[in-house]
Amino acid sequence: MPETIIPAGYFPIILFFVIALFFGLVTLFFGSLIRPNRPSVEKLSPYECGNPPFMDSRSRVFIRYYLVAVLFVLFDLEAVFLYPWAVVYHKIGMYGLVEMLLFIVILLVGYAYAWRKGALEWD
């Protein structure tokens, strides 16, 4: 029995990746030929909503920004977990309800802790 390096079931996946890579490279190549290339000082300057930059882009960012971002991700994940639970609620019954209530209580405790610590204040 001859050994194959790649199982036959993976061939369509590899073919898909090769075609996608080829398509992306060809698109970029033809785009670079067609698009105009006229750089100027204004085009190469940093852009901040139409205003000139008011500080160096390498300056430090306050930790409050990252804290709010992490809290957003945390509570956004709650919504992501609620949707599939609601879809299969009739199949999982009371066990699923108790588990989801426990999940929501844990998130509410975290929310109350963040609120009490002032993490949601933007000063």
PDB file of N, CA and C in Angstrom:
ATOM      1  N   MET A   1       0.850  -1.167   0.000  1.00  0.00           N
ATOM      2  CA  MET A   1       0.000   0.000   0.000  1.00  0.00           C
ATOM      3  C   MET A   1       0.902   1.239   0.000  1.00  0.00           C
ATOM      4  N   PRO A   2       0.785   2.101  -1.007  1.00  0.00           N
ATOM      5  CA  PRO A   2       1.639   3.288  -1.057  1.00  0.00           C
ATOM      6  C   PRO A   2       1.177   4.333  -0.031  1.00  0.00           C
ATOM      7  N   GLU A   3       2.142   4.979   0.576  1.00  0.00           N
ATOM      8  CA  GLU A   3       1.819   6.032   1.548  1.00  0.00           C
ATOM      9  C   GLU A   3       1.631   7.352   0.822  1.00  0.00           C
ATOM     10  N   THR A   4       0.628   8.087   1.250  1.00  0.00           N
ATOM     11  CA  THR A   4       0.434   9.423   0.696  1.00  0.00           C
ATOM     12  C   THR A   4       0.807  10.444   1.758  1.00  0.00           C
ATOM     13  N   ILE A   5       1.364  11.531   1.313  1.00  0.00           N
ATOM     14  CA  ILE A   5       1.772  12.579   2.256  1.00  0.00           C
ATOM     15  C   ILE A   5       0.547  13.347   2.756  1.00  0.00           C
ATOM     16  N   ILE A   6      -0.381  13.630   1.850  1.00  0.00           N
ATOM     17  CA  ILE A   6      -1.586  14.381   2.210  1.00  0.00           C
ATOM     18  C   ILE A   6      -2.790  13.473   2.000  1.00  0.00           C
ATOM     19  N   PRO A   7      -3.604  13.277   3.027  1.00  0.00           N
ATOM     20  CA  PRO A   7      -4.816  12.468   2.846  1.00  0.00           C
ATOM     21  C   PRO A   7      -5.728  13.086   1.780  1.00  0.00           C
ATOM     22  N   ALA A   8      -6.439  12.261   1.071  1.00  0.00           N
ATOM     23  CA  ALA A   8      -7.280  12.714  -0.035  1.00  0.00           C
ATOM     24  C   ALA A   8      -8.388  13.660   0.423  1.00  0.00           C
ATOM     25  N   GLY A   9      -8.819  13.556   1.657  1.00  0.00           N
ATOM     26  CA  GLY A   9      -9.886  14.425   2.154  1.00  0.00           C
ATOM     27  C   GLY A   9      -9.462  15.880   2.300  1.00  0.00           C
ATOM     28  N   TYR A  10      -8.155  16.117   2.381  1.00  0.00           N
ATOM     29  CA  TYR A  10      -7.670  17.489   2.542  1.00  0.00           C
ATOM     30  C   TYR A  10      -7.439  18.187   1.212  1.00  0.00           C
ATOM     31  N   PHE A  11      -7.485  17.472   0.122  1.00  0.00           N
ATOM     32  CA  PHE A  11      -7.212  18.073  -1.183  1.00  0.00           C
ATOM     33  C   PHE A  11      -8.151  19.246  -1.513  1.00  0.00           C
ATOM     34  N   PRO A  12      -9.472  19.146  -1.310  1.00  0.00           N
ATOM     35  CA  PRO A  12     -10.340  20.295  -1.614  1.00  0.00           C
ATOM     36  C   PRO A  12     -10.000  21.526  -0.763  1.00  0.00           C
ATOM     37  N   ILE A  13      -9.615  21.319   0.475  1.00  0.00           N
ATOM     38  CA  ILE A  13      -9.273  22.442   1.346  1.00  0.00           C
ATOM     39  C   ILE A  13      -8.000  23.116   0.852  1.00  0.00           C
ATOM     40  N   ILE A  14      -6.998  22.312   0.512  1.00  0.00           N
ATOM     41  CA  ILE A  14      -5.741  22.867   0.005  1.00  0.00           C
ATOM     42  C   ILE A  14      -5.983  23.577  -1.325  1.00  0.00           C
ATOM     43  N   LEU A  15      -6.791  22.992  -2.183  1.00  0.00           N
ATOM     44  CA  LEU A  15      -7.118  23.621  -3.461  1.00  0.00           C
ATOM     45  C   LEU A  15      -7.821  24.958  -3.238  1.00  0.00           C
ATOM     46  N   PHE A  16      -8.732  25.016  -2.292  1.00  0.00           N
ATOM     47  CA  PHE A  16      -9.423  26.264  -1.973  1.00  0.00           C
ATOM     48  C   PHE A  16      -8.437  27.333  -1.525  1.00  0.00           C
ATOM     49  N   PHE A  17      -7.488  26.975  -0.641  1.00  0.00           N
ATOM     50  CA  PHE A  17      -6.501  27.945  -0.171  1.00  0.00           C
ATOM     51  C   PHE A  17      -5.595  28.417  -1.306  1.00  0.00           C
ATOM     52  N   VAL A  18      -5.205  27.521  -2.191  1.00  0.00           N
ATOM     53  CA  VAL A  18      -4.349  27.904  -3.317  1.00  0.00           C
ATOM     54  C   VAL A  18      -5.094  28.864  -4.237  1.00  0.00           C
ATOM     55  N   ILE A  19      -6.340  28.573  -4.543  1.00  0.00           N
ATOM     56  CA  ILE A  19      -7.133  29.457  -5.404  1.00  0.00           C
ATOM     57  C   ILE A  19      -7.344  30.810  -4.726  1.00  0.00           C
ATOM     58  N   ALA A  20      -7.632  30.825  -3.429  1.00  0.00           N
ATOM     59  CA  ALA A  20      -7.834  32.081  -2.718  1.00  0.00           C
ATOM     60  C   ALA A  20      -6.547  32.909  -2.695  1.00  0.00           C
ATOM     61  N   LEU A  21      -5.415  32.275  -2.456  1.00  0.00           N
ATOM     62  CA  LEU A  21      -4.135  32.971  -2.459  1.00  0.00           C
ATOM     63  C   LEU A  21      -3.837  33.523  -3.847  1.00  0.00           C
ATOM     64  N   PHE A  22      -4.048  32.722  -4.869  1.00  0.00           N
ATOM     65  CA  PHE A  22      -3.814  33.156  -6.249  1.00  0.00           C
ATOM     66  C   PHE A  22      -4.715  34.345  -6.588  1.00  0.00           C
ATOM     67  N   PHE A  23      -5.983  34.261  -6.244  1.00  0.00           N
ATOM     68  CA  PHE A  23      -6.922  35.341  -6.535  1.00  0.00           C
ATOM     69  C   PHE A  23      -6.494  36.631  -5.825  1.00  0.00           C
ATOM     70  N   GLY A  24      -6.099  36.518  -4.563  1.00  0.00           N
ATOM     71  CA  GLY A  24      -5.675  37.706  -3.818  1.00  0.00           C
ATOM     72  C   GLY A  24      -4.432  38.341  -4.419  1.00  0.00           C
ATOM     73  N   LEU A  25      -3.446  37.524  -4.765  1.00  0.00           N
ATOM     74  CA  LEU A  25      -2.212  38.062  -5.348  1.00  0.00           C
ATOM     75  C   LEU A  25      -2.454  38.685  -6.722  1.00  0.00           C
ATOM     76  N   VAL A  26      -3.264  38.044  -7.551  1.00  0.00           N
ATOM     77  CA  VAL A  26      -3.575  38.592  -8.874  1.00  0.00           C
ATOM     78  C   VAL A  26      -4.333  39.905  -8.744  1.00  0.00           C
ATOM     79  N   THR A  27      -5.280  39.970  -7.815  1.00  0.00           N
ATOM     80  CA  THR A  27      -6.042  41.199  -7.606  1.00  0.00           C
ATOM     81  C   THR A  27      -5.131  42.337  -7.161  1.00  0.00           C
ATOM     82  N   LEU A  28      -4.231  42.069  -6.229  1.00  0.00           N
ATOM     83  CA  LEU A  28      -3.301  43.096  -5.778  1.00  0.00           C
ATOM     84  C   LEU A  28      -2.368  43.547  -6.907  1.00  0.00           C
ATOM     85  N   PHE A  29      -1.904  42.598  -7.713  1.00  0.00           N
ATOM     86  CA  PHE A  29      -1.001  42.936  -8.804  1.00  0.00           C
ATOM     87  C   PHE A  29      -1.693  43.839  -9.823  1.00  0.00           C
ATOM     88  N   PHE A  30      -2.880  43.453 -10.290  1.00  0.00           N
ATOM     89  CA  PHE A  30      -3.584  44.264 -11.274  1.00  0.00           C
ATOM     90  C   PHE A  30      -4.039  45.597 -10.684  1.00  0.00           C
ATOM     91  N   GLY A  31      -4.361  45.614  -9.402  1.00  0.00           N
ATOM     92  CA  GLY A  31      -4.717  46.880  -8.758  1.00  0.00           C
ATOM     93  C   GLY A  31      -3.551  47.847  -8.728  1.00  0.00           C
ATOM     94  N   SER A  32      -2.345  47.321  -8.492  1.00  0.00           N
ATOM     95  CA  SER A  32      -1.173  48.201  -8.479  1.00  0.00           C
ATOM     96  C   SER A  32      -0.867  48.746  -9.867  1.00  0.00           C
ATOM     97  N   LEU A  33      -1.231  48.035 -10.921  1.00  0.00           N
ATOM     98  CA  LEU A  33      -1.023  48.522 -12.283  1.00  0.00           C
ATOM     99  C   LEU A  33      -2.047  49.580 -12.675  1.00  0.00           C
ATOM    100  N   ILE A  34      -3.270  49.448 -12.198  1.00  0.00           N
ATOM    101  CA  ILE A  34      -4.364  50.317 -12.632  1.00  0.00           C
ATOM    102  C   ILE A  34      -4.478  51.593 -11.804  1.00  0.00           C
ATOM    103  N   ARG A  35      -4.310  51.505 -10.506  1.00  0.00           N
ATOM    104  CA  ARG A  35      -4.574  52.666  -9.646  1.00  0.00           C
ATOM    105  C   ARG A  35      -3.551  53.774  -9.872  1.00  0.00           C
ATOM    106  N   PRO A  36      -3.989  55.028  -9.688  1.00  0.00           N
ATOM    107  CA  PRO A  36      -3.044  56.142  -9.819  1.00  0.00           C
ATOM    108  C   PRO A  36      -2.127  56.208  -8.598  1.00  0.00           C
ATOM    109  N   ASN A  37      -0.908  56.643  -8.811  1.00  0.00           N
ATOM    110  CA  ASN A  37       0.058  56.760  -7.722  1.00  0.00           C
ATOM    111  C   ASN A  37       0.671  58.158  -7.787  1.00  0.00           C
ATOM    112  N   ARG A  38       0.038  59.104  -7.074  1.00  0.00           N
ATOM    113  CA  ARG A  38       0.523  60.470  -7.038  1.00  0.00           C
ATOM    114  C   ARG A  38       0.635  60.922  -5.584  1.00  0.00           C
ATOM    115  N   PRO A  39       1.689  60.483  -4.880  1.00  0.00           N
ATOM    116  CA  PRO A  39       1.823  60.884  -3.474  1.00  0.00           C
ATOM    117  C   PRO A  39       2.111  62.376  -3.347  1.00  0.00           C
ATOM    118  N   SER A  40       1.584  62.954  -2.283  1.00  0.00           N
ATOM    119  CA  SER A  40       1.852  64.359  -1.982  1.00  0.00           C
ATOM    120  C   SER A  40       2.040  64.477  -0.475  1.00  0.00           C
ATOM    121  N   VAL A  41       2.412  65.660  -0.034  1.00  0.00           N
ATOM    122  CA  VAL A  41       2.639  65.883   1.392  1.00  0.00           C
ATOM    123  C   VAL A  41       1.343  65.667   2.171  1.00  0.00           C
ATOM    124  N   GLU A  42       0.240  66.148   1.625  1.00  0.00           N
ATOM    125  CA  GLU A  42      -1.047  65.995   2.320  1.00  0.00           C
ATOM    126  C   GLU A  42      -1.483  64.536   2.394  1.00  0.00           C
ATOM    127  N   LYS A  43      -1.259  63.771   1.343  1.00  0.00           N
ATOM    128  CA  LYS A  43      -1.663  62.363   1.337  1.00  0.00           C
ATOM    129  C   LYS A  43      -0.816  61.525   2.279  1.00  0.00           C
ATOM    130  N   LEU A  44       0.429  61.911   2.484  1.00  0.00           N
ATOM    131  CA  LEU A  44       1.322  61.140   3.332  1.00  0.00           C
ATOM    132  C   LEU A  44       1.304  61.584   4.790  1.00  0.00           C
ATOM    133  N   SER A  45       0.536  62.626   5.106  1.00  0.00           N
ATOM    134  CA  SER A  45       0.473  63.091   6.491  1.00  0.00           C
ATOM    135  C   SER A  45      -0.514  62.239   7.291  1.00  0.00           C
ATOM    136  N   PRO A  46      -0.333  62.155   8.622  1.00  0.00           N
ATOM    137  CA  PRO A  46      -1.277  61.391   9.445  1.00  0.00           C
ATOM    138  C   PRO A  46      -2.663  62.025   9.388  1.00  0.00           C
ATOM    139  N   TYR A  47      -3.673  61.197   9.481  1.00  0.00           N
ATOM    140  CA  TYR A  47      -5.047  61.669   9.363  1.00  0.00           C
ATOM    141  C   TYR A  47      -5.809  61.374  10.648  1.00  0.00           C
ATOM    142  N   GLU A  48      -6.407  62.410  11.219  1.00  0.00           N
ATOM    143  CA  GLU A  48      -7.232  62.240  12.409  1.00  0.00           C
ATOM    144  C   GLU A  48      -8.545  62.980  12.216  1.00  0.00           C
ATOM    145  N   CYS A  49      -9.464  62.369  11.540  1.00  0.00           N
ATOM    146  CA  CYS A  49     -10.824  62.897  11.362  1.00  0.00           C
ATOM    147  C   CYS A  49     -10.825  64.295  10.740  1.00  0.00           C
ATOM    148  N   GLY A  50      -9.915  64.558   9.838  1.00  0.00           N
ATOM    149  CA  GLY A  50      -9.887  65.845   9.166  1.00  0.00           C
ATOM    150  C   GLY A  50      -9.147  66.921   9.928  1.00  0.00           C
ATOM    151  N   ASN A  51      -8.705  66.634  11.117  1.00  0.00           N
ATOM    152  CA  ASN A  51      -7.972  67.610  11.920  1.00  0.00           C
ATOM    153  C   ASN A  51      -6.486  67.303  11.879  1.00  0.00           C
ATOM    154  N   PRO A  52      -5.662  68.332  12.018  1.00  0.00           N
ATOM    155  CA  PRO A  52      -4.230  68.035  12.108  1.00  0.00           C
ATOM    156  C   PRO A  52      -3.937  67.293  13.405  1.00  0.00           C
ATOM    157  N   PRO A  53      -2.946  66.411  13.411  1.00  0.00           N
ATOM    158  CA  PRO A  53      -2.638  65.667  14.636  1.00  0.00           C
ATOM    159  C   PRO A  53      -2.250  66.625  15.765  1.00  0.00           C
ATOM    160  N   PHE A  54      -2.755  66.374  16.962  1.00  0.00           N
ATOM    161  CA  PHE A  54      -2.480  67.268  18.083  1.00  0.00           C
ATOM    162  C   PHE A  54      -1.405  66.743  19.010  1.00  0.00           C
ATOM    163  N   MET A  55      -0.916  65.519  18.774  1.00  0.00           N
ATOM    164  CA  MET A  55       0.170  64.979  19.575  1.00  0.00           C
ATOM    165  C   MET A  55       0.873  63.866  18.803  1.00  0.00           C
ATOM    166  N   ASP A  56       1.995  63.451  19.304  1.00  0.00           N
ATOM    167  CA  ASP A  56       2.772  62.403  18.651  1.00  0.00           C
ATOM    168  C   ASP A  56       2.020  61.073  18.727  1.00  0.00           C
ATOM    169  N   SER A  57       2.056  60.306  17.651  1.00  0.00           N
ATOM    170  CA  SER A  57       1.325  59.037  17.616  1.00  0.00           C
ATOM    171  C   SER A  57       1.959  57.976  18.506  1.00  0.00           C
ATOM    172  N   ARG A  58       3.184  58.203  18.957  1.00  0.00           N
ATOM    173  CA  ARG A  58       3.857  57.221  19.811  1.00  0.00           C
ATOM    174  C   ARG A  58       3.718  57.556  21.287  1.00  0.00           C
ATOM    175  N   SER A  59       2.800  58.432  21.630  1.00  0.00           N
ATOM    176  CA  SER A  59       2.632  58.798  23.038  1.00  0.00           C
ATOM    177  C   SER A  59       1.918  57.677  23.796  1.00  0.00           C
ATOM    178  N   ARG A  60       1.999  57.756  25.092  1.00  0.00           N
ATOM    179  CA  ARG A  60       1.378  56.721  25.928  1.00  0.00           C
ATOM    180  C   ARG A  60      -0.129  56.915  25.980  1.00  0.00           C
ATOM    181  N   VAL A  61      -0.829  55.804  26.055  1.00  0.00           N
ATOM    182  CA  VAL A  61      -2.287  55.820  26.143  1.00  0.00           C
ATOM    183  C   VAL A  61      -2.659  55.476  27.577  1.00  0.00           C
ATOM    184  N   PHE A  62      -3.645  56.173  28.109  1.00  0.00           N
ATOM    185  CA  PHE A  62      -4.072  55.933  29.482  1.00  0.00           C
ATOM    186  C   PHE A  62      -4.599  54.516  29.641  1.00  0.00           C
ATOM    187  N   ILE A  63      -4.358  53.934  30.782  1.00  0.00           N
ATOM    188  CA  ILE A  63      -4.806  52.576  31.069  1.00  0.00           C
ATOM    189  C   ILE A  63      -6.331  52.494  31.083  1.00  0.00           C
ATOM    190  N   ARG A  64      -6.994  53.613  31.337  1.00  0.00           N
ATOM    191  CA  ARG A  64      -8.457  53.642  31.365  1.00  0.00           C
ATOM    192  C   ARG A  64      -9.029  53.194  30.016  1.00  0.00           C
ATOM    193  N   TYR A  65      -8.360  53.548  28.920  1.00  0.00           N
ATOM    194  CA  TYR A  65      -8.819  53.132  27.590  1.00  0.00           C
ATOM    195  C   TYR A  65      -8.846  51.606  27.484  1.00  0.00           C
ATOM    196  N   TYR A  66      -7.785  50.957  27.917  1.00  0.00           N
ATOM    197  CA  TYR A  66      -7.717  49.502  27.839  1.00  0.00           C
ATOM    198  C   TYR A  66      -8.721  48.850  28.784  1.00  0.00           C
ATOM    199  N   LEU A  67      -8.927  49.450  29.932  1.00  0.00           N
ATOM    200  CA  LEU A  67      -9.885  48.913  30.893  1.00  0.00           C
ATOM    201  C   LEU A  67     -11.300  48.945  30.321  1.00  0.00           C
ATOM    202  N   VAL A  68     -11.657  50.050  29.696  1.00  0.00           N
ATOM    203  CA  VAL A  68     -12.988  50.146  29.084  1.00  0.00           C
ATOM    204  C   VAL A  68     -13.106  49.153  27.928  1.00  0.00           C
ATOM    205  N   ALA A  69     -12.036  48.978  27.162  1.00  0.00           N
ATOM    206  CA  ALA A  69     -12.073  48.022  26.048  1.00  0.00           C
ATOM    207  C   ALA A  69     -12.267  46.594  26.559  1.00  0.00           C
ATOM    208  N   VAL A  70     -11.584  46.224  27.626  1.00  0.00           N
ATOM    209  CA  VAL A  70     -11.724  44.879  28.187  1.00  0.00           C
ATOM    210  C   VAL A  70     -13.129  44.683  28.736  1.00  0.00           C
ATOM    211  N   LEU A  71     -13.666  45.700  29.405  1.00  0.00           N
ATOM    212  CA  LEU A  71     -15.036  45.592  29.924  1.00  0.00           C
ATOM    213  C   LEU A  71     -16.036  45.459  28.783  1.00  0.00           C
ATOM    214  N   PHE A  72     -15.811  46.182  27.688  1.00  0.00           N
ATOM    215  CA  PHE A  72     -16.706  46.063  26.542  1.00  0.00           C
ATOM    216  C   PHE A  72     -16.688  44.636  25.994  1.00  0.00           C
ATOM    217  N   VAL A  73     -15.487  44.080  25.838  1.00  0.00           N
ATOM    218  CA  VAL A  73     -15.378  42.714  25.317  1.00  0.00           C
ATOM    219  C   VAL A  73     -16.066  41.736  26.268  1.00  0.00           C
ATOM    220  N   LEU A  74     -15.877  41.926  27.555  1.00  0.00           N
ATOM    221  CA  LEU A  74     -16.496  41.037  28.537  1.00  0.00           C
ATOM    222  C   LEU A  74     -18.012  41.039  28.412  1.00  0.00           C
ATOM    223  N   PHE A  75     -18.617  42.212  28.366  1.00  0.00           N
ATOM    224  CA  PHE A  75     -20.074  42.276  28.317  1.00  0.00           C
ATOM    225  C   PHE A  75     -20.613  42.029  26.915  1.00  0.00           C
ATOM    226  N   ASP A  76     -19.792  42.192  25.913  1.00  0.00           N
ATOM    227  CA  ASP A  76     -20.202  41.829  24.570  1.00  0.00           C
ATOM    228  C   ASP A  76     -20.253  40.308  24.425  1.00  0.00           C
ATOM    229  N   LEU A  77     -19.337  39.619  25.076  1.00  0.00           N
ATOM    230  CA  LEU A  77     -19.357  38.155  25.055  1.00  0.00           C
ATOM    231  C   LEU A  77     -20.603  37.600  25.732  1.00  0.00           C
ATOM    232  N   GLU A  78     -21.111  38.344  26.691  1.00  0.00           N
ATOM    233  CA  GLU A  78     -22.350  37.905  27.330  1.00  0.00           C
ATOM    234  C   GLU A  78     -23.454  37.801  26.292  1.00  0.00           C
ATOM    235  N   ALA A  79     -23.566  38.788  25.437  1.00  0.00           N
ATOM    236  CA  ALA A  79     -24.596  38.758  24.398  1.00  0.00           C
ATOM    237  C   ALA A  79     -24.352  37.623  23.416  1.00  0.00           C
ATOM    238  N   VAL A  80     -23.090  37.342  23.131  1.00  0.00           N
ATOM    239  CA  VAL A  80     -22.765  36.259  22.207  1.00  0.00           C
ATOM    240  C   VAL A  80     -23.190  34.913  22.787  1.00  0.00           C
ATOM    241  N   PHE A  81     -23.062  34.741  24.096  1.00  0.00           N
ATOM    242  CA  PHE A  81     -23.455  33.481  24.716  1.00  0.00           C
ATOM    243  C   PHE A  81     -24.967  33.390  24.945  1.00  0.00           C
ATOM    244  N   LEU A  82     -25.638  34.514  25.034  1.00  0.00           N
ATOM    245  CA  LEU A  82     -27.082  34.478  25.268  1.00  0.00           C
ATOM    246  C   LEU A  82     -27.855  34.013  24.031  1.00  0.00           C
ATOM    247  N   TYR A  83     -27.408  34.368  22.854  1.00  0.00           N
ATOM    248  CA  TYR A  83     -28.166  34.017  21.655  1.00  0.00           C
ATOM    249  C   TYR A  83     -28.266  32.507  21.424  1.00  0.00           C
ATOM    250  N   PRO A  84     -27.148  31.761  21.414  1.00  0.00           N
ATOM    251  CA  PRO A  84     -27.311  30.312  21.207  1.00  0.00           C
ATOM    252  C   PRO A  84     -28.077  29.646  22.336  1.00  0.00           C
ATOM    253  N   TRP A  85     -27.940  30.181  23.544  1.00  0.00           N
ATOM    254  CA  TRP A  85     -28.697  29.618  24.660  1.00  0.00           C
ATOM    255  C   TRP A  85     -30.189  29.796  24.408  1.00  0.00           C
ATOM    256  N   ALA A  86     -30.581  30.965  23.927  1.00  0.00           N
ATOM    257  CA  ALA A  86     -32.007  31.215  23.668  1.00  0.00           C
ATOM    258  C   ALA A  86     -32.530  30.332  22.536  1.00  0.00           C
ATOM    259  N   VAL A  87     -31.687  30.022  21.578  1.00  0.00           N
ATOM    260  CA  VAL A  87     -32.120  29.190  20.452  1.00  0.00           C
ATOM    261  C   VAL A  87     -32.423  27.765  20.899  1.00  0.00           C
ATOM    262  N   VAL A  88     -31.611  27.215  21.799  1.00  0.00           N
ATOM    263  CA  VAL A  88     -31.793  25.825  22.218  1.00  0.00           C
ATOM    264  C   VAL A  88     -32.422  25.711  23.603  1.00  0.00           C
ATOM    265  N   TYR A  89     -33.023  26.776  24.087  1.00  0.00           N
ATOM    266  CA  TYR A  89     -33.578  26.760  25.436  1.00  0.00           C
ATOM    267  C   TYR A  89     -34.623  25.660  25.614  1.00  0.00           C
ATOM    268  N   HIS A  90     -35.468  25.448  24.624  1.00  0.00           N
ATOM    269  CA  HIS A  90     -36.527  24.435  24.766  1.00  0.00           C
ATOM    270  C   HIS A  90     -35.953  23.016  24.859  1.00  0.00           C
ATOM    271  N   LYS A  91     -34.719  22.807  24.410  1.00  0.00           N
ATOM    272  CA  LYS A  91     -34.107  21.476  24.483  1.00  0.00           C
ATOM    273  C   LYS A  91     -33.361  21.251  25.801  1.00  0.00           C
ATOM    274  N   ILE A  92     -32.789  22.303  26.375  1.00  0.00           N
ATOM    275  CA  ILE A  92     -31.968  22.108  27.572  1.00  0.00           C
ATOM    276  C   ILE A  92     -32.746  22.287  28.864  1.00  0.00           C
ATOM    277  N   GLY A  93     -33.886  22.913  28.798  1.00  0.00           N
ATOM    278  CA  GLY A  93     -34.798  22.978  29.935  1.00  0.00           C
ATOM    279  C   GLY A  93     -34.276  23.715  31.156  1.00  0.00           C
ATOM    280  N   MET A  94     -34.655  23.204  32.332  1.00  0.00           N
ATOM    281  CA  MET A  94     -34.347  23.870  33.589  1.00  0.00           C
ATOM    282  C   MET A  94     -32.850  23.902  33.870  1.00  0.00           C
ATOM    283  N   TYR A  95     -32.131  22.870  33.486  1.00  0.00           N
ATOM    284  CA  TYR A  95     -30.682  22.841  33.703  1.00  0.00           C
ATOM    285  C   TYR A  95     -30.009  24.013  32.978  1.00  0.00           C
ATOM    286  N   GLY A  96     -30.404  24.248  31.741  1.00  0.00           N
ATOM    287  CA  GLY A  96     -29.856  25.364  30.971  1.00  0.00           C
ATOM    288  C   GLY A  96     -30.225  26.700  31.563  1.00  0.00           C
ATOM    289  N   LEU A  97     -31.447  26.802  32.086  1.00  0.00           N
ATOM    290  CA  LEU A  97     -31.880  28.052  32.707  1.00  0.00           C
ATOM    291  C   LEU A  97     -31.042  28.361  33.944  1.00  0.00           C
ATOM    292  N   VAL A  98     -30.814  27.377  34.782  1.00  0.00           N
ATOM    293  CA  VAL A  98     -30.013  27.576  35.996  1.00  0.00           C
ATOM    294  C   VAL A  98     -28.583  27.949  35.630  1.00  0.00           C
ATOM    295  N   GLU A  99     -28.003  27.262  34.662  1.00  0.00           N
ATOM    296  CA  GLU A  99     -26.633  27.570  34.232  1.00  0.00           C
ATOM    297  C   GLU A  99     -26.531  28.992  33.700  1.00  0.00           C
ATOM    298  N   MET A 100     -27.505  29.417  32.900  1.00  0.00           N
ATOM    299  CA  MET A 100     -27.461  30.773  32.346  1.00  0.00           C
ATOM    300  C   MET A 100     -27.690  31.817  33.425  1.00  0.00           C
ATOM    301  N   LEU A 101     -28.558  31.537  34.371  1.00  0.00           N
ATOM    302  CA  LEU A 101     -28.747  32.476  35.476  1.00  0.00           C
ATOM    303  C   LEU A 101     -27.468  32.610  36.302  1.00  0.00           C
ATOM    304  N   LEU A 102     -26.766  31.518  36.518  1.00  0.00           N
ATOM    305  CA  LEU A 102     -25.488  31.568  37.224  1.00  0.00           C
ATOM    306  C   LEU A 102     -24.468  32.397  36.430  1.00  0.00           C
ATOM    307  N   PHE A 103     -24.426  32.218  35.132  1.00  0.00           N
ATOM    308  CA  PHE A 103     -23.535  32.983  34.268  1.00  0.00           C
ATOM    309  C   PHE A 103     -23.852  34.474  34.351  1.00  0.00           C
ATOM    310  N   ILE A 104     -25.119  34.829  34.296  1.00  0.00           N
ATOM    311  CA  ILE A 104     -25.521  36.234  34.354  1.00  0.00           C
ATOM    312  C   ILE A 104     -25.225  36.823  35.727  1.00  0.00           C
ATOM    313  N   VAL A 105     -25.417  36.066  36.782  1.00  0.00           N
ATOM    314  CA  VAL A 105     -25.105  36.555  38.135  1.00  0.00           C
ATOM    315  C   VAL A 105     -23.610  36.843  38.262  1.00  0.00           C
ATOM    316  N   ILE A 106     -22.782  35.959  37.745  1.00  0.00           N
ATOM    317  CA  ILE A 106     -21.333  36.192  37.794  1.00  0.00           C
ATOM    318  C   ILE A 106     -20.978  37.459  37.028  1.00  0.00           C
ATOM    319  N   LEU A 107     -21.583  37.665  35.866  1.00  0.00           N
ATOM    320  CA  LEU A 107     -21.314  38.879  35.104  1.00  0.00           C
ATOM    321  C   LEU A 107     -21.823  40.128  35.825  1.00  0.00           C
ATOM    322  N   LEU A 108     -22.966  40.031  36.469  1.00  0.00           N
ATOM    323  CA  LEU A 108     -23.488  41.179  37.210  1.00  0.00           C
ATOM    324  C   LEU A 108     -22.608  41.523  38.404  1.00  0.00           C
ATOM    325  N   VAL A 109     -22.041  40.522  39.047  1.00  0.00           N
ATOM    326  CA  VAL A 109     -21.109  40.785  40.147  1.00  0.00           C
ATOM    327  C   VAL A 109     -19.872  41.512  39.609  1.00  0.00           C
ATOM    328  N   GLY A 110     -19.369  41.083  38.463  1.00  0.00           N
ATOM    329  CA  GLY A 110     -18.234  41.765  37.843  1.00  0.00           C
ATOM    330  C   GLY A 110     -18.583  43.178  37.427  1.00  0.00           C
ATOM    331  N   TYR A 111     -19.783  43.383  36.904  1.00  0.00           N
ATOM    332  CA  TYR A 111     -20.241  44.712  36.512  1.00  0.00           C
ATOM    333  C   TYR A 111     -20.353  45.624  37.735  1.00  0.00           C
ATOM    334  N   ALA A 112     -20.929  45.113  38.814  1.00  0.00           N
ATOM    335  CA  ALA A 112     -21.059  45.914  40.038  1.00  0.00           C
ATOM    336  C   ALA A 112     -19.678  46.259  40.601  1.00  0.00           C
ATOM    337  N   TYR A 113     -18.754  45.326  40.550  1.00  0.00           N
ATOM    338  CA  TYR A 113     -17.390  45.578  41.029  1.00  0.00           C
ATOM    339  C   TYR A 113     -16.716  46.674  40.197  1.00  0.00           C
ATOM    340  N   ALA A 114     -16.850  46.587  38.856  1.00  0.00           N
ATOM    341  CA  ALA A 114     -16.254  47.596  37.986  1.00  0.00           C
ATOM    342  C   ALA A 114     -16.892  48.955  38.214  1.00  0.00           C
ATOM    343  N   TRP A 115     -18.189  48.985  38.424  1.00  0.00           N
ATOM    344  CA  TRP A 115     -18.893  50.250  38.670  1.00  0.00           C
ATOM    345  C   TRP A 115     -18.444  50.857  39.995  1.00  0.00           C
ATOM    346  N   ARG A 116     -18.328  50.021  41.030  1.00  0.00           N
ATOM    347  CA  ARG A 116     -17.920  50.507  42.349  1.00  0.00           C
ATOM    348  C   ARG A 116     -16.485  51.037  42.335  1.00  0.00           C
ATOM    349  N   LYS A 117     -15.614  50.403  41.549  1.00  0.00           N
ATOM    350  CA  LYS A 117     -14.222  50.841  41.457  1.00  0.00           C
ATOM    351  C   LYS A 117     -14.057  52.067  40.567  1.00  0.00           C
ATOM    352  N   GLY A 118     -15.115  52.485  39.874  1.00  0.00           N
ATOM    353  CA  GLY A 118     -15.041  53.659  39.003  1.00  0.00           C
ATOM    354  C   GLY A 118     -14.452  53.360  37.637  1.00  0.00           C
ATOM    355  N   ALA A 119     -14.454  52.112  37.234  1.00  0.00           N
ATOM    356  CA  ALA A 119     -13.866  51.738  35.946  1.00  0.00           C
ATOM    357  C   ALA A 119     -14.707  52.235  34.775  1.00  0.00           C
ATOM    358  N   LEU A 120     -15.955  52.552  35.006  1.00  0.00           N
ATOM    359  CA  LEU A 120     -16.821  52.997  33.932  1.00  0.00           C
ATOM    360  C   LEU A 120     -16.872  54.518  33.800  1.00  0.00           C
ATOM    361  N   GLU A 121     -16.160  55.230  34.664  1.00  0.00           N
ATOM    362  CA  GLU A 121     -16.092  56.689  34.605  1.00  0.00           C
ATOM    363  C   GLU A 121     -15.048  57.095  33.585  1.00  0.00           C
ATOM    364  N   TRP A 122     -15.376  58.049  32.746  1.00  0.00           N
ATOM    365  CA  TRP A 122     -14.455  58.499  31.708  1.00  0.00           C
ATOM    366  C   TRP A 122     -14.043  59.941  32.019  1.00  0.00           C
ATOM    367  N   ASP A 123     -13.105  60.116  32.923  1.00  0.00           N
ATOM    368  CA  ASP A 123     -12.663  61.457  33.326  1.00  0.00           C
ATOM    369  C   ASP A 123     -11.362  61.820  32.680  1.00  0.00           C
TER     370      ASP A 123
END
